[in-house]
Amino acid sequence: MAASSSVSPARSGPLAAIQDTAEGAATLRVALRRSARDLCREFLWRHPGDADADEVVFALASVALDAEQVQEAKALLDRAIKAHAESKWLDDFLYLSGYASFLEGDDKAALALLARVENEEFPIEGEKRGPSANRDAAIFLEGQIHHAAGRPAEAVAKYAAVEDRIIEAKQAADYFREM
């Protein structure tokens, strides 16, 4: 029986010469994003009604945000919120859309989307509904939005709501409390 090789497949491919450098890692990340984006788009084009289309849209929007293509991600997420209103991914769509809105400088839209994640119940298993797994993250992001907008009282209120579960929220709330 032959010994298995510890050499990765890429070491013998066209990217082998650059993969062990920081620049090479950045090049590989860009290629990975492009491949993921292309695969997701191809899947959605060929199978728009597939049961996993909502998950693929989430992956595509995540890749767009990671590549700092905020407008593309926002457009995908806004369409997904309408098209997949009963999806188990709905709270994820709302959270990412809120984050993208914040990145675009639209605090009002961001806070409205995040408030839905904070306050609504979402599909979790079969017919069951419950709070979003993203609820605490949404509250924390609401605090960050208020913080960035210079509204410390609102920021502290949001941070305080999750400070026992998110250490950064406690640190931010303590910062304002010590002022």
Foldseek 3Di string as FASTA:
>chain_A
DDDDDPDDPCCPDPLVVPCVDPVSVVVVLVVVLVVLLVVLVVCCVVCVPDPCNLVSLLSNLVSCVVVVVLVVSLVSLVVSCVVVVQDQCNLVSLQSNLVSCVVVVNNVSSLVSLVCLQPDWHDDDDPDTGHDPCNLVSLQVNLVSCVVVVNNVSNLVSLVVCCVPDVVSVVSNVVVVVD
